[in-house]
């Protein structure tokens, strides 16, 4: 069960109401109360859990949950595992999605009260919606805009002119400059948005910094992980499309154009002017060379190095990255050579 100190429960729901919300058939004990969610192996009589994979079916025999969400494909096998006193089975098309929806009801995120902490430093020209929350020690520069119900955490810094949309959450110690954020954008602690890109021009006197005169545009529902950095563009903008999720410790170089619904896992690095089309997935520690384009829906395996453009829908792996079938052929060849070379 989630620790109530950190994840307080909402009102308990009778199973009849749970079934109604999910649009499923009535259950055998509609008055039974559900107070929270839990994993399959640890759920108690007043908690709901879910079964997503057939390999977990044996766990149902000892499951003490009040109810369990299962898919139509696993319904009959799940019913064979639970006894008459076992968890009540609720059949839904997507158990995990239904579980997530119930989690939001049974363990709602606490609403941070609106208002401005007395220690926050807010420029007189900043425009703060009255329903927004400004935390202790936050710094908001001239002409900053903060939308309705947005939260600016303790010691976060918003540089002059930054625009924050509605229902955003800028966590403590995040820094934002030269940026425009849409609605429902989340920046985790120590994320840095809008710093000058890494651009220098060599000359007789050494390296001279190239002026970085662009912005960062974060569209609706973007999430940026802790200690990740998104550099602003040199002349154009660095853009991250709607619904894209970026993990912790990721570097996005200047002028990158990242499409909608992309996933970028921890410790990836994108050099300048990289293009990710919609729905791209980068595994952990992927590096992408400058000016490369990764096509729509492509997937790059962890620790790969992308040095050429990647076609849409292709899966690649390795250094340099290549189609996954070629990668595994190379691995098999190396293994054969290694065995052949043994005395």
Protein backbone atom coordinates (compact mmCIF):
# COMPACT_ATOMS: atom_id res chain seq x y z
CA UNK A 1 0.00 0.00 0.00
CA UNK A 2 1.32 3.50 -0.73
CA UNK A 3 2.75 5.20 2.35
CA UNK A 4 -0.02 7.54 3.59
CA UNK A 5 2.55 10.07 4.77
CA UNK A 6 3.42 10.75 1.15
CA UNK A 7 0.37 9.51 -0.76
CA UNK A 8 -2.81 10.21 1.19
CA UNK A 9 -5.92 8.32 0.18
CA UNK A 10 -9.08 9.89 -1.18
CA UNK A 11 -12.57 8.75 -0.23
CA UNK A 12 -13.21 5.00 -0.22
CA UNK A 13 -15.33 3.69 -3.09
CA UNK A 14 -17.76 0.77 -2.99
CA UNK A 15 -17.01 -1.80 -5.66
CA UNK A 16 -20.28 -0.94 -7.35
CA UNK A 17 -18.94 2.57 -7.95
CA UNK A 18 -15.58 1.23 -9.12
CA UNK A 19 -17.42 -1.00 -11.61
CA UNK A 20 -19.58 1.91 -12.75
CA UNK A 21 -16.57 4.16 -13.35
CA UNK A 22 -14.89 1.44 -15.39
CA UNK A 23 -18.05 0.53 -17.28
CA UNK A 24 -17.84 -3.15 -16.36
CA UNK A 25 -20.32 -5.79 -15.23
CA UNK A 26 -21.58 -5.77 -11.62
CA UNK A 27 -19.56 -7.68 -9.02
CA UNK A 28 -20.61 -10.29 -6.46
CA UNK A 29 -20.15 -7.96 -3.46
CA UNK A 30 -20.98 -4.43 -4.65
CA UNK A 31 -20.88 -2.94 -1.13
CA UNK A 32 -17.25 -3.94 -0.48
CA UNK A 33 -15.10 -0.86 0.00
CA UNK A 34 -11.92 -0.10 -1.92
CA UNK A 35 -9.63 2.38 -0.17
CA UNK A 36 -6.44 2.20 -2.21
CA UNK A 37 -4.28 0.45 -4.79
CA UNK A 38 -1.43 -2.01 -4.38
CA UNK A 39 0.72 -4.53 -6.22
CA UNK A 40 -0.62 -8.01 -6.91
CA UNK A 41 1.54 -9.65 -4.24
CA UNK A 42 0.90 -7.15 -1.45
CA UNK A 43 -2.68 -5.93 -1.89
CA UNK A 44 -5.07 -6.26 1.06
CA UNK A 45 -8.85 -6.77 1.28
CA UNK A 46 -9.65 -3.07 0.80
CA UNK A 47 -7.26 -2.55 -2.11
CA UNK A 48 -7.49 -3.11 -5.83
CA UNK A 49 -4.71 -4.52 -8.00
CA UNK A 50 -4.30 -5.64 -11.61
CA UNK A 51 -3.05 -8.60 -13.62
CA UNK A 52 -1.40 -7.73 -16.92
CA UNK A 53 0.67 -10.78 -17.88
CA UNK A 54 -0.09 -14.50 -17.86
CA UNK A 55 3.13 -15.30 -16.03
CA UNK A 56 1.67 -13.68 -12.90
CA UNK A 57 -1.45 -15.88 -12.88
CA UNK A 58 -0.12 -18.19 -10.12
CA UNK A 59 0.15 -15.17 -7.81
CA UNK A 60 -3.64 -14.85 -7.85
CA UNK A 61 -4.00 -18.02 -5.77
CA UNK A 62 -2.58 -16.23 -2.71
CA UNK A 63 -3.72 -12.72 -3.58
CA UNK A 64 -5.66 -11.06 -0.74
CA UNK A 65 -6.87 -8.03 -2.73
CA UNK A 66 -10.48 -6.97 -2.62
CA UNK A 67 -10.56 -6.78 -6.42
CA UNK A 68 -8.31 -7.42 -9.39
CA UNK A 69 -8.47 -5.94 -12.88
CA UNK A 70 -7.95 -8.50 -15.66
CA UNK A 71 -8.16 -8.50 -19.44
CA UNK A 72 -10.76 -10.52 -21.40
CA UNK A 73 -7.96 -12.75 -22.67
CA UNK A 74 -6.98 -13.78 -19.14
CA UNK A 75 -10.44 -13.84 -17.57
CA UNK A 76 -11.05 -17.59 -17.62
CA UNK A 77 -7.56 -18.52 -16.45
CA UNK A 78 -7.68 -15.91 -13.71
CA UNK A 79 -11.04 -17.20 -12.49
CA UNK A 80 -9.55 -20.68 -12.22
CA UNK A 81 -6.83 -19.36 -9.91
CA UNK A 82 -9.02 -17.51 -7.40
CA UNK A 83 -11.32 -19.25 -4.94
CA UNK A 84 -14.76 -18.05 -3.85
CA UNK A 85 -13.14 -15.82 -1.22
CA UNK A 86 -10.45 -14.51 -3.54
CA UNK A 87 -10.35 -11.10 -5.18
CA UNK A 88 -13.35 -10.10 -7.24
CA UNK A 89 -12.37 -9.95 -10.90
CA UNK A 90 -13.21 -6.87 -12.95
CA UNK A 91 -12.76 -7.48 -16.67
CA UNK A 92 -11.48 -4.43 -18.58
CA UNK A 93 -9.87 -3.99 -21.98
CA UNK A 94 -6.66 -2.52 -20.58
CA UNK A 95 -6.03 -3.44 -16.90
CA UNK A 96 -3.04 -1.13 -16.47
CA UNK A 97 -4.84 1.89 -17.92
CA UNK A 98 -7.86 1.20 -15.69
CA UNK A 99 -5.57 0.80 -12.67
CA UNK A 100 -3.93 4.16 -13.43
CA UNK A 101 -7.32 5.85 -13.69
CA UNK A 102 -8.40 4.43 -10.33
CA UNK A 103 -5.08 5.43 -8.75
CA UNK A 104 -5.80 9.06 -9.63
CA UNK A 105 -9.15 8.77 -7.81
CA UNK A 106 -8.06 6.77 -4.77
CA UNK A 107 -4.75 8.58 -4.27
CA UNK A 108 -5.25 12.06 -5.74
CA UNK A 109 -2.28 14.39 -5.83
CA UNK A 110 -2.63 17.04 -3.12
CA UNK A 111 -3.48 20.46 -4.49
CA UNK A 112 -0.87 23.03 -3.51
CA UNK A 113 -2.67 26.12 -2.20
CA UNK A 114 -2.67 29.21 -4.36
CA UNK A 115 -0.68 32.20 -3.19
CA UNK A 116 2.76 33.73 -3.04
CA UNK A 117 5.24 32.97 -0.28
CA UNK A 118 6.53 36.11 1.41
CA UNK A 119 10.14 35.18 0.62
CA UNK A 120 9.59 34.91 -3.15
CA UNK A 121 11.16 37.65 -5.29
CA UNK A 122 8.65 38.62 -7.97
CA UNK A 123 9.19 41.52 -10.36
CA UNK A 124 6.49 44.16 -10.31
CA UNK A 125 5.78 43.60 -14.01
CA UNK A 126 5.30 39.84 -13.64
CA UNK A 127 1.73 38.63 -14.30
CA UNK A 128 0.72 35.84 -11.94
CA UNK A 129 -2.68 34.22 -12.14
CA UNK A 130 -4.40 34.43 -8.73
CA UNK A 131 -4.84 30.64 -8.67
CA UNK A 132 -1.08 29.99 -9.13
CA UNK A 133 1.30 29.07 -6.31
CA UNK A 134 4.73 30.69 -5.88
CA UNK A 135 6.98 28.87 -3.40
CA UNK A 136 9.57 30.09 -0.89
CA UNK A 137 12.60 31.78 -2.39
CA UNK A 138 11.37 31.57 -5.97
CA UNK A 139 12.62 34.30 -8.31
CA UNK A 140 10.40 35.61 -11.11
CA UNK A 141 11.89 38.21 -13.45
CA UNK A 142 10.36 41.10 -15.34
CA UNK A 143 7.39 40.38 -17.62
CA UNK A 144 7.13 36.73 -16.52
CA UNK A 145 3.69 35.19 -17.03
CA UNK A 146 2.39 32.31 -14.89
CA UNK A 147 -0.92 30.70 -15.88
CA UNK A 148 -3.84 29.40 -13.89
CA UNK A 149 -3.18 26.76 -11.21
CA UNK A 150 0.51 26.51 -12.06
CA UNK A 151 3.00 25.80 -9.27
CA UNK A 152 6.45 27.38 -9.07
CA UNK A 153 8.45 25.48 -6.47
CA UNK A 154 10.88 26.71 -3.84
CA UNK A 155 13.95 28.50 -5.22
CA UNK A 156 12.92 28.00 -8.84
CA UNK A 157 14.09 30.79 -11.13
CA UNK A 158 12.11 32.18 -14.08
CA UNK A 159 14.10 34.63 -16.17
CA UNK A 160 12.68 37.80 -17.71
CA UNK A 161 9.92 37.27 -20.25
CA UNK A 162 9.39 33.57 -19.55
CA UNK A 163 5.84 32.38 -20.17
CA UNK A 164 4.35 29.52 -18.13
CA UNK A 165 0.98 28.12 -19.22
CA UNK A 166 -1.85 26.73 -17.12
CA UNK A 167 -1.51 23.73 -14.77
CA UNK A 168 2.29 23.61 -15.06
CA UNK A 169 4.58 22.45 -12.27
CA UNK A 170 8.09 23.86 -12.01
CA UNK A 171 9.71 21.89 -9.20
CA UNK A 172 12.19 23.32 -6.68
CA UNK A 173 15.48 24.67 -8.04
CA UNK A 174 14.50 24.39 -11.70
CA UNK A 175 15.75 27.27 -13.87
CA UNK A 176 13.91 28.62 -16.91
CA UNK A 177 15.02 31.39 -19.26
CA UNK A 178 14.27 32.43 -22.85
CA UNK A 179 11.39 29.95 -22.93
CA UNK A 180 7.67 29.63 -23.63
CA UNK A 181 5.85 26.74 -21.93
CA UNK A 182 2.42 25.44 -22.90
CA UNK A 183 -0.13 23.94 -20.53
CA UNK A 184 0.48 21.04 -18.13
CA UNK A 185 4.25 21.14 -18.54
CA UNK A 186 6.30 19.58 -15.73
CA UNK A 187 9.92 20.51 -14.99
CA UNK A 188 11.54 18.43 -12.26
CA UNK A 189 14.10 19.69 -9.79
CA UNK A 190 17.29 21.23 -11.18
CA UNK A 191 16.10 21.04 -14.79
CA UNK A 192 17.65 23.88 -16.79
CA UNK A 193 15.64 25.25 -19.70
CA UNK A 194 16.86 27.93 -22.09
CA UNK A 195 20.56 28.23 -21.28
CA UNK A 196 22.88 29.33 -24.06
CA UNK A 197 23.70 26.57 -26.53
CA UNK A 198 27.21 25.13 -26.77
CA UNK A 199 28.42 27.10 -29.78
CA UNK A 200 31.92 28.52 -30.32
CA UNK A 201 33.82 29.79 -33.37
CA UNK A 202 37.59 29.18 -33.57
CA UNK A 203 39.81 32.11 -34.48
CA UNK A 204 43.27 33.52 -34.00
CA UNK A 205 42.38 34.62 -30.48
CA UNK A 206 40.88 31.26 -29.56
CA UNK A 207 37.26 30.20 -29.22
CA UNK A 208 34.61 32.91 -29.39
CA UNK A 209 31.10 32.18 -28.18
CA UNK A 210 28.42 32.30 -30.87
CA UNK A 211 25.43 34.38 -29.77
CA UNK A 212 22.43 32.22 -28.96
CA UNK A 213 19.41 34.34 -29.88
CA UNK A 214 16.68 31.70 -30.07
CA UNK A 215 14.21 30.37 -27.54
CA UNK A 216 12.97 27.06 -26.12
CA UNK A 217 9.37 26.14 -26.91
CA UNK A 218 7.82 23.39 -24.76
CA UNK A 219 4.40 22.37 -26.02
CA UNK A 220 1.52 21.08 -23.89
CA UNK A 221 2.04 18.04 -21.64
CA UNK A 222 5.84 17.95 -21.95
CA UNK A 223 7.76 16.56 -18.97
CA UNK A 224 11.46 17.21 -18.34
CA UNK A 225 13.31 15.13 -15.75
CA UNK A 226 15.61 16.20 -12.94
CA UNK A 227 18.95 17.74 -13.95
CA UNK A 228 18.13 17.64 -17.64
CA UNK A 229 19.11 20.56 -19.84
CA UNK A 230 17.42 22.00 -22.93
CA UNK A 231 19.53 24.64 -24.70
CA UNK A 232 17.94 27.54 -26.55
CA UNK A 233 18.43 27.93 -30.28
CA UNK A 234 21.16 29.90 -31.99
CA UNK A 235 18.84 31.86 -34.29
CA UNK A 236 15.76 29.65 -34.51
CA UNK A 237 14.09 27.90 -31.58
CA UNK A 238 14.63 24.59 -29.82
CA UNK A 239 11.22 22.91 -29.87
CA UNK A 240 9.83 19.95 -27.92
CA UNK A 241 6.49 18.65 -29.15
CA UNK A 242 3.30 17.90 -27.32
CA UNK A 243 3.32 15.02 -24.84
CA UNK A 244 7.04 14.24 -25.11
CA UNK A 245 8.61 12.82 -21.95
CA UNK A 246 12.29 13.34 -21.15
CA UNK A 247 13.95 11.45 -18.30
CA UNK A 248 16.61 12.66 -15.84
CA UNK A 249 20.12 13.73 -16.90
CA UNK A 250 19.37 14.34 -20.58
CA UNK A 251 21.09 16.96 -22.76
CA UNK A 252 19.13 18.56 -25.62
CA UNK A 253 21.37 20.73 -27.79
CA UNK A 254 20.52 24.02 -29.46
CA UNK A 255 18.01 24.07 -32.33
CA UNK A 256 16.84 20.49 -31.79
CA UNK A 257 13.34 19.81 -33.12
CA UNK A 258 11.66 17.05 -31.12
CA UNK A 259 8.25 15.88 -32.23
CA UNK A 260 5.14 14.86 -30.29
CA UNK A 261 4.93 11.83 -27.98
CA UNK A 262 8.64 11.04 -28.01
CA UNK A 263 10.33 9.24 -25.10
CA UNK A 264 13.96 10.02 -24.23
CA UNK A 265 15.40 7.90 -21.43
CA UNK A 266 18.08 8.95 -18.93
CA UNK A 267 21.56 10.10 -19.93
CA UNK A 268 20.84 10.60 -23.62
CA UNK A 269 22.66 13.38 -25.43
CA UNK A 270 21.39 15.14 -28.54
CA UNK A 271 23.84 17.41 -30.34
CA UNK A 272 22.69 20.59 -32.06
CA UNK A 273 19.98 20.64 -34.75
CA UNK A 274 18.90 17.02 -34.27
CA UNK A 275 15.38 16.23 -35.51
CA UNK A 276 13.25 13.57 -33.82
CA UNK A 277 9.98 13.03 -35.62
CA UNK A 278 6.83 12.05 -33.72
CA UNK A 279 6.84 8.95 -31.53
CA UNK A 280 10.60 8.30 -31.43
CA UNK A 281 11.98 6.27 -28.51
CA UNK A 282 15.59 6.66 -27.36
CA UNK A 283 16.87 4.13 -24.81
CA UNK A 284 19.24 5.13 -22.02
CA UNK A 285 22.59 6.70 -22.89
CA UNK A 286 21.89 7.10 -26.60
CA UNK A 287 24.03 9.72 -28.32
CA UNK A 288 22.88 11.46 -31.51
CA UNK A 289 25.30 13.40 -33.73
CA UNK A 290 24.42 16.91 -34.89
CA UNK A 291 22.02 17.53 -37.79
CA UNK A 292 20.75 13.92 -37.83
CA UNK A 293 17.08 13.07 -38.36
CA UNK A 294 15.41 10.10 -36.68
CA UNK A 295 12.18 9.21 -38.47
CA UNK A 296 8.70 8.87 -37.08
CA UNK A 297 8.24 5.93 -34.68
CA UNK A 298 11.88 4.81 -34.82
CA UNK A 299 13.46 3.14 -31.78
CA UNK A 300 17.09 3.37 -30.76
CA UNK A 301 18.39 0.80 -28.25
CA UNK A 302 20.29 1.85 -25.13
CA UNK A 303 23.94 2.93 -25.42
CA UNK A 304 23.73 3.36 -29.20
CA UNK A 305 25.49 6.08 -31.15
CA UNK A 306 23.50 7.56 -34.03
CA UNK A 307 25.77 8.98 -36.74
CA UNK A 308 23.41 8.77 -39.72
CA UNK A 309 19.76 9.52 -40.37
CA UNK A 310 17.37 6.77 -39.23
CA UNK A 311 14.33 5.84 -41.37
CA UNK A 312 10.83 5.94 -39.89
CA UNK A 313 9.68 2.90 -37.88
CA UNK A 314 13.16 1.35 -37.86
CA UNK A 315 14.82 -0.13 -34.76
CA UNK A 316 18.56 0.38 -34.49
CA UNK A 317 21.31 -0.54 -32.04
CA UNK A 318 25.07 -0.32 -31.61
CA UNK A 319 27.95 2.08 -32.16
CA UNK A 320 27.53 3.24 -34.83
CA UNK A 321 23.81 2.51 -34.75
CA UNK A 322 22.57 0.14 -37.47
CA UNK A 323 19.38 -1.84 -38.10
CA UNK A 324 18.80 -4.26 -35.24
CA UNK A 325 19.11 -7.36 -37.44
CA UNK A 326 22.52 -6.26 -38.66
CA UNK A 327 23.57 -5.50 -35.09
CA UNK A 328 22.71 -8.99 -33.88
CA UNK A 329 24.41 -10.58 -36.88
CA UNK A 330 27.58 -8.67 -35.96
CA UNK A 331 27.29 -9.82 -32.34
CA UNK A 332 26.86 -13.44 -33.45
CA UNK A 333 29.85 -13.16 -35.77
CA UNK A 334 32.02 -11.75 -32.99
CA UNK A 335 30.98 -14.59 -30.68
CA UNK A 336 31.87 -17.17 -33.32
CA UNK A 337 35.25 -15.53 -33.89
CA UNK A 338 35.88 -15.47 -30.16
CA UNK A 339 35.11 -19.18 -29.82
CA UNK A 340 37.24 -20.00 -32.87
CA UNK A 341 40.20 -18.20 -31.39
CA UNK A 342 40.20 -20.15 -28.12
CA UNK A 343 43.02 -22.70 -27.72
